[in-house]
Amino acid sequence: MTTSSEKQISKLLSLVLRHSPETIGIELDQQGWTNVNHLITKVNEYGTEIKLDQLKAVVANSDKQRFSFNEDGTKIRANQGHSVPIDLGFIAKNPPPFLYHGTATKNKESILQFGLKKQARHHVHLSKDIETAVRVGQRHGKPIIFKISTKLMLEKGHEFYESANGVWLTEAVPAEFLIILEKDN
């Protein structure tokens, strides 16, 4: 399978496993899982040809590890980033003292005024390192990186969760906990 085929399938999986399962006629259970064989059938009916080995390759080769199979490989779900109501069963845990968030510089003033909001997603997504935050920010334009004092947030009662692919999640990050790392020159 070519890289462009994997990318096309990954984008379709992101759409249907995170935002719009009805696009291809699948349903997600309360934890976001759907049957693998049913998903493959519906993806093929939608017009994108995929076989089980190709699906496994997309899951295994995804640079962001966006998807997971259950233990017996019969179900698949997105690891985070949902805009549809599901419960991934995250358990609160203490993050490193600092996490990072990358976005486009055009969002700077709004974020400094209102903080980081989850928007249509279930959580705000945070990175454990600056390099990842830069890559995320570059997807949206010229990047700006915010450093988040998670230690102070924990002291104020905020909770954090770590998804299966290492992305840190929280409900919101008030502006008082943000530090700009890179200036938008």
C-alpha atoms as a PDB file:
ATOM      1  CA  MET A   1       0.000   0.000   0.000  1.00  0.00           C
ATOM      2  CA  THR A   2       1.357   3.413  -0.916  1.00  0.00           C
ATOM      3  CA  THR A   3       1.833   6.244   1.531  1.00  0.00           C
ATOM      4  CA  SER A   4      -0.880   8.255  -0.223  1.00  0.00           C
ATOM      5  CA  SER A   5      -3.313   5.312   0.124  1.00  0.00           C
ATOM      6  CA  GLU A   6      -2.517   5.034   3.843  1.00  0.00           C
ATOM      7  CA  LYS A   7      -3.003   8.781   4.242  1.00  0.00           C
ATOM      8  CA  GLN A   8      -6.349   8.671   2.416  1.00  0.00           C
ATOM      9  CA  ILE A   9      -7.556   5.773   4.571  1.00  0.00           C
ATOM     10  CA  SER A  10      -6.266   7.451   7.752  1.00  0.00           C
ATOM     11  CA  LYS A  11      -8.175  10.639   6.937  1.00  0.00           C
ATOM     12  CA  LEU A  12     -11.355   8.671   6.280  1.00  0.00           C
ATOM     13  CA  LEU A  13     -10.893   6.747   9.547  1.00  0.00           C
ATOM     14  CA  SER A  14     -10.367  10.026  11.426  1.00  0.00           C
ATOM     15  CA  LEU A  15     -13.610  11.346   9.980  1.00  0.00           C
ATOM     16  CA  VAL A  16     -15.743   8.305  10.749  1.00  0.00           C
ATOM     17  CA  LEU A  17     -14.162   7.196  14.049  1.00  0.00           C
ATOM     18  CA  ARG A  18     -13.900  10.695  15.562  1.00  0.00           C
ATOM     19  CA  HIS A  19     -16.567  12.921  14.046  1.00  0.00           C
ATOM     20  CA  SER A  20     -19.116  11.490  11.592  1.00  0.00           C
ATOM     21  CA  PRO A  21     -19.615   7.718  11.706  1.00  0.00           C
ATOM     22  CA  GLU A  22     -22.859   8.183   9.794  1.00  0.00           C
ATOM     23  CA  THR A  23     -20.841   9.255   6.729  1.00  0.00           C
ATOM     24  CA  ILE A  24     -20.330   5.589   5.868  1.00  0.00           C
ATOM     25  CA  GLY A  25     -23.182   4.146   7.927  1.00  0.00           C
ATOM     26  CA  ILE A  26     -21.394   2.812  11.009  1.00  0.00           C
ATOM     27  CA  GLU A  27     -22.155   3.274  14.686  1.00  0.00           C
ATOM     28  CA  LEU A  28     -19.754   3.739  17.584  1.00  0.00           C
ATOM     29  CA  ASP A  29     -20.517   2.195  20.958  1.00  0.00           C
ATOM     30  CA  GLN A  30     -20.304   4.252  24.168  1.00  0.00           C
ATOM     31  CA  GLN A  31     -16.513   3.828  24.280  1.00  0.00           C
ATOM     32  CA  GLY A  32     -16.039   4.709  20.602  1.00  0.00           C
ATOM     33  CA  TRP A  33     -15.514   1.153  19.317  1.00  0.00           C
ATOM     34  CA  THR A  34     -16.917  -0.251  16.086  1.00  0.00           C
ATOM     35  CA  ASN A  35     -16.661  -3.735  14.586  1.00  0.00           C
ATOM     36  CA  VAL A  36     -13.636  -4.080  12.279  1.00  0.00           C
ATOM     37  CA  ASN A  37     -15.346  -6.290   9.674  1.00  0.00           C
ATOM     38  CA  HIS A  38     -18.380  -3.986   9.521  1.00  0.00           C
ATOM     39  CA  LEU A  39     -16.081  -0.953   9.174  1.00  0.00           C
ATOM     40  CA  ILE A  40     -14.187  -2.587   6.281  1.00  0.00           C
ATOM     41  CA  THR A  41     -17.472  -3.460   4.530  1.00  0.00           C
ATOM     42  CA  LYS A  42     -18.795   0.093   4.922  1.00  0.00           C
ATOM     43  CA  VAL A  43     -15.512   1.717   3.825  1.00  0.00           C
ATOM     44  CA  ASN A  44     -15.548  -0.449   0.683  1.00  0.00           C
ATOM     45  CA  GLU A  45     -19.208   0.407   0.006  1.00  0.00           C
ATOM     46  CA  TYR A  46     -18.260   4.085   0.416  1.00  0.00           C
ATOM     47  CA  GLY A  47     -15.807   3.690  -2.469  1.00  0.00           C
ATOM     48  CA  THR A  48     -12.448   3.381  -0.720  1.00  0.00           C
ATOM     49  CA  GLU A  49     -11.063  -0.110  -1.115  1.00  0.00           C
ATOM     50  CA  ILE A  50      -9.510  -1.555   2.017  1.00  0.00           C
ATOM     51  CA  LYS A  51      -8.647  -5.005   3.309  1.00  0.00           C
ATOM     52  CA  LEU A  52      -7.880  -6.082   6.873  1.00  0.00           C
ATOM     53  CA  ASP A  53      -4.105  -6.120   6.321  1.00  0.00           C
ATOM     54  CA  GLN A  54      -4.274  -2.566   4.946  1.00  0.00           C
ATOM     55  CA  LEU A  55      -6.309  -1.416   7.957  1.00  0.00           C
ATOM     56  CA  LYS A  56      -3.749  -3.005  10.281  1.00  0.00           C
ATOM     57  CA  ALA A  57      -0.952  -1.227   8.396  1.00  0.00           C
ATOM     58  CA  VAL A  58      -2.684   2.159   8.739  1.00  0.00           C
ATOM     59  CA  VAL A  59      -3.121   1.617  12.493  1.00  0.00           C
ATOM     60  CA  ALA A  60       0.466   0.412  12.948  1.00  0.00           C
ATOM     61  CA  ASN A  61       2.106   3.043  10.727  1.00  0.00           C
ATOM     62  CA  SER A  62       0.157   6.108  11.839  1.00  0.00           C
ATOM     63  CA  ASP A  63       2.756   8.624  12.980  1.00  0.00           C
ATOM     64  CA  LYS A  64       0.371   9.919  15.637  1.00  0.00           C
ATOM     65  CA  GLN A  65      -1.029   6.505  16.578  1.00  0.00           C
ATOM     66  CA  ARG A  66      -4.557   7.838  16.171  1.00  0.00           C
ATOM     67  CA  PHE A  67      -6.292   4.442  16.237  1.00  0.00           C
ATOM     68  CA  SER A  68      -6.317   1.274  18.327  1.00  0.00           C
ATOM     69  CA  PHE A  69      -7.671  -2.235  18.043  1.00  0.00           C
ATOM     70  CA  ASN A  70      -9.188  -3.939  21.067  1.00  0.00           C
ATOM     71  CA  GLU A  71      -7.326  -6.899  22.578  1.00  0.00           C
ATOM     72  CA  ASP A  72      -8.722  -9.517  20.187  1.00  0.00           C
ATOM     73  CA  GLY A  73      -8.578  -7.251  17.119  1.00  0.00           C
ATOM     74  CA  THR A  74     -12.312  -7.369  16.422  1.00  0.00           C
ATOM     75  CA  LYS A  75     -12.978  -3.695  17.196  1.00  0.00           C
ATOM     76  CA  ILE A  76     -11.283  -0.399  16.347  1.00  0.00           C
ATOM     77  CA  ARG A  77     -11.559   3.144  17.668  1.00  0.00           C
ATOM     78  CA  ALA A  78      -9.838   6.514  17.586  1.00  0.00           C
ATOM     79  CA  ASN A  79      -7.621   7.180  20.622  1.00  0.00           C
ATOM     80  CA  GLN A  80      -8.845  10.754  21.156  1.00  0.00           C
ATOM     81  CA  GLY A  81     -10.074  13.844  19.322  1.00  0.00           C
ATOM     82  CA  HIS A  82     -13.744  12.922  19.137  1.00  0.00           C
ATOM     83  CA  SER A  83     -16.487  15.445  18.529  1.00  0.00           C
ATOM     84  CA  VAL A  84     -19.188  12.797  18.956  1.00  0.00           C
ATOM     85  CA  PRO A  85     -20.293  11.845  22.482  1.00  0.00           C
ATOM     86  CA  ILE A  86     -18.270   8.877  23.747  1.00  0.00           C
ATOM     87  CA  ASP A  87     -16.516   7.865  26.955  1.00  0.00           C
ATOM     88  CA  LEU A  88     -12.977   6.629  26.407  1.00  0.00           C
ATOM     89  CA  GLY A  89     -12.696   5.650  30.068  1.00  0.00           C
ATOM     90  CA  PHE A  90      -9.745   7.900  30.813  1.00  0.00           C
ATOM     91  CA  ILE A  91      -8.485   7.912  34.389  1.00  0.00           C
ATOM     92  CA  ALA A  92      -7.056  11.156  35.759  1.00  0.00           C
ATOM     93  CA  LYS A  93      -3.300  11.090  36.272  1.00  0.00           C
ATOM     94  CA  ASN A  94      -0.542  13.536  37.035  1.00  0.00           C
ATOM     95  CA  PRO A  95       1.217  14.872  33.937  1.00  0.00           C
ATOM     96  CA  PRO A  96       4.792  16.140  33.710  1.00  0.00           C
ATOM     97  CA  PRO A  97       5.252  19.615  35.315  1.00  0.00           C
ATOM     98  CA  PHE A  98       4.927  21.248  31.882  1.00  0.00           C
ATOM     99  CA  LEU A  99       3.070  20.351  28.703  1.00  0.00           C
ATOM    100  CA  TYR A 100       2.909  22.202  25.385  1.00  0.00           C
ATOM    101  CA  HIS A 101       0.306  23.296  22.869  1.00  0.00           C
ATOM    102  CA  GLY A 102       1.077  24.278  19.295  1.00  0.00           C
ATOM    103  CA  THR A 103      -1.274  26.344  17.176  1.00  0.00           C
ATOM    104  CA  ALA A 104      -1.198  29.038  14.502  1.00  0.00           C
ATOM    105  CA  THR A 105      -0.021  32.524  15.479  1.00  0.00           C
ATOM    106  CA  LYS A 106      -3.369  33.899  14.266  1.00  0.00           C
ATOM    107  CA  ASN A 107      -4.945  32.297  17.393  1.00  0.00           C
ATOM    108  CA  LYS A 108      -2.554  33.984  19.847  1.00  0.00           C
ATOM    109  CA  GLU A 109      -4.687  36.914  21.013  1.00  0.00           C
ATOM    110  CA  SER A 110      -7.829  34.846  21.489  1.00  0.00           C
ATOM    111  CA  ILE A 111      -5.910  32.205  23.454  1.00  0.00           C
ATOM    112  CA  LEU A 112      -4.230  34.823  25.638  1.00  0.00           C
ATOM    113  CA  GLN A 113      -7.653  36.294  26.399  1.00  0.00           C
ATOM    114  CA  PHE A 114      -9.763  33.158  26.794  1.00  0.00           C
ATOM    115  CA  GLY A 115      -7.242  30.337  27.292  1.00  0.00           C
ATOM    116  CA  LEU A 116      -7.305  27.021  25.434  1.00  0.00           C
ATOM    117  CA  LYS A 117     -10.823  25.697  24.867  1.00  0.00           C
ATOM    118  CA  LYS A 118     -11.779  22.241  23.688  1.00  0.00           C
ATOM    119  CA  GLN A 119     -14.073  23.687  20.996  1.00  0.00           C
ATOM    120  CA  ALA A 120     -16.043  20.818  19.395  1.00  0.00           C
ATOM    121  CA  ARG A 121     -13.767  18.128  20.840  1.00  0.00           C
ATOM    122  CA  HIS A 122     -13.991  16.399  24.207  1.00  0.00           C
ATOM    123  CA  HIS A 123     -10.686  17.807  25.477  1.00  0.00           C
ATOM    124  CA  VAL A 124      -7.848  20.226  24.811  1.00  0.00           C
ATOM    125  CA  HIS A 125      -4.899  18.282  23.348  1.00  0.00           C
ATOM    126  CA  LEU A 126      -1.442  18.866  24.827  1.00  0.00           C
ATOM    127  CA  SER A 127       1.978  17.552  23.826  1.00  0.00           C
ATOM    128  CA  LYS A 128       4.673  16.261  26.150  1.00  0.00           C
ATOM    129  CA  ASP A 129       7.458  17.897  24.125  1.00  0.00           C
ATOM    130  CA  ILE A 130       8.064  21.104  22.185  1.00  0.00           C
ATOM    131  CA  GLU A 131       8.913  19.310  18.922  1.00  0.00           C
ATOM    132  CA  THR A 132       5.501  17.635  18.766  1.00  0.00           C
ATOM    133  CA  ALA A 133       3.764  20.921  19.614  1.00  0.00           C
ATOM    134  CA  VAL A 134       5.632  22.630  16.758  1.00  0.00           C
ATOM    135  CA  ARG A 135       4.507  19.929  14.295  1.00  0.00           C
ATOM    136  CA  VAL A 136       0.905  20.294  15.474  1.00  0.00           C
ATOM    137  CA  GLY A 137       1.071  24.094  15.230  1.00  0.00           C
ATOM    138  CA  GLN A 138       2.510  23.988  11.717  1.00  0.00           C
ATOM    139  CA  ARG A 139      -0.604  22.214  10.461  1.00  0.00           C
ATOM    140  CA  HIS A 140      -2.542  25.422  11.101  1.00  0.00           C
ATOM    141  CA  GLY A 141      -0.085  27.991   9.705  1.00  0.00           C
ATOM    142  CA  LYS A 142       2.906  29.727  11.252  1.00  0.00           C
ATOM    143  CA  PRO A 143       3.208  28.068  14.674  1.00  0.00           C
ATOM    144  CA  ILE A 144       3.207  29.542  18.129  1.00  0.00           C
ATOM    145  CA  ILE A 145       3.922  27.331  21.125  1.00  0.00           C
ATOM    146  CA  PHE A 146       2.382  27.686  24.556  1.00  0.00           C
ATOM    147  CA  LYS A 147       3.986  26.118  27.620  1.00  0.00           C
ATOM    148  CA  ILE A 148       1.426  25.018  30.206  1.00  0.00           C
ATOM    149  CA  SER A 149       2.187  24.888  33.908  1.00  0.00           C
ATOM    150  CA  THR A 150       0.407  21.643  34.741  1.00  0.00           C
ATOM    151  CA  LYS A 151       1.742  21.702  38.291  1.00  0.00           C
ATOM    152  CA  LEU A 152      -0.134  24.944  38.971  1.00  0.00           C
ATOM    153  CA  MET A 153      -3.230  23.648  37.205  1.00  0.00           C
ATOM    154  CA  LEU A 154      -3.232  20.508  39.372  1.00  0.00           C
ATOM    155  CA  GLU A 155      -2.986  22.696  42.483  1.00  0.00           C
ATOM    156  CA  LYS A 156      -6.135  24.508  41.277  1.00  0.00           C
ATOM    157  CA  GLY A 157      -8.043  21.237  40.797  1.00  0.00           C
ATOM    158  CA  HIS A 158      -7.717  20.668  37.055  1.00  0.00           C
ATOM    159  CA  GLU A 159      -7.526  17.061  35.876  1.00  0.00           C
ATOM    160  CA  PHE A 160      -5.383  15.541  33.134  1.00  0.00           C
ATOM    161  CA  TYR A 161      -5.640  12.323  31.170  1.00  0.00           C
ATOM    162  CA  GLU A 162      -3.180  10.545  28.898  1.00  0.00           C
ATOM    163  CA  SER A 163      -4.545   8.864  25.777  1.00  0.00           C
ATOM    164  CA  ALA A 164      -3.238   5.555  24.441  1.00  0.00           C
ATOM    165  CA  ASN A 165      -0.966   7.404  21.999  1.00  0.00           C
ATOM    166  CA  GLY A 166       0.618   9.718  24.577  1.00  0.00           C
ATOM    167  CA  VAL A 167      -1.455  12.844  23.938  1.00  0.00           C
ATOM    168  CA  TRP A 168      -2.327  14.645  27.173  1.00  0.00           C
ATOM    169  CA  LEU A 169      -5.899  15.858  27.566  1.00  0.00           C
ATOM    170  CA  THR A 170      -7.697  18.320  29.822  1.00  0.00           C
ATOM    171  CA  GLU A 171     -11.034  20.138  29.796  1.00  0.00           C
ATOM    172  CA  ALA A 172      -9.546  23.630  29.295  1.00  0.00           C
ATOM    173  CA  VAL A 173      -6.401  25.622  30.011  1.00  0.00           C
ATOM    174  CA  PRO A 174      -7.170  29.047  31.484  1.00  0.00           C
ATOM    175  CA  ALA A 175      -4.929  31.834  30.174  1.00  0.00           C
ATOM    176  CA  GLU A 176      -3.242  32.280  33.567  1.00  0.00           C
ATOM    177  CA  PHE A 177      -1.413  28.951  33.063  1.00  0.00           C
ATOM    178  CA  LEU A 178      -0.002  29.770  29.595  1.00  0.00           C
ATOM    179  CA  ILE A 179       3.491  30.960  28.725  1.00  0.00           C
ATOM    180  CA  ILE A 180       4.402  31.846  25.117  1.00  0.00           C
ATOM    181  CA  LEU A 181       7.575  30.019  24.096  1.00  0.00           C
ATOM    182  CA  GLU A 182       8.039  31.291  20.572  1.00  0.00           C
ATOM    183  CA  LYS A 183       7.359  34.861  19.514  1.00  0.00           C
ATOM    184  CA  ASP A 184       5.542  35.458  16.231  1.00  0.00           C
ATOM    185  CA  ASN A 185       8.089  37.664  14.498  1.00  0.00           C
END
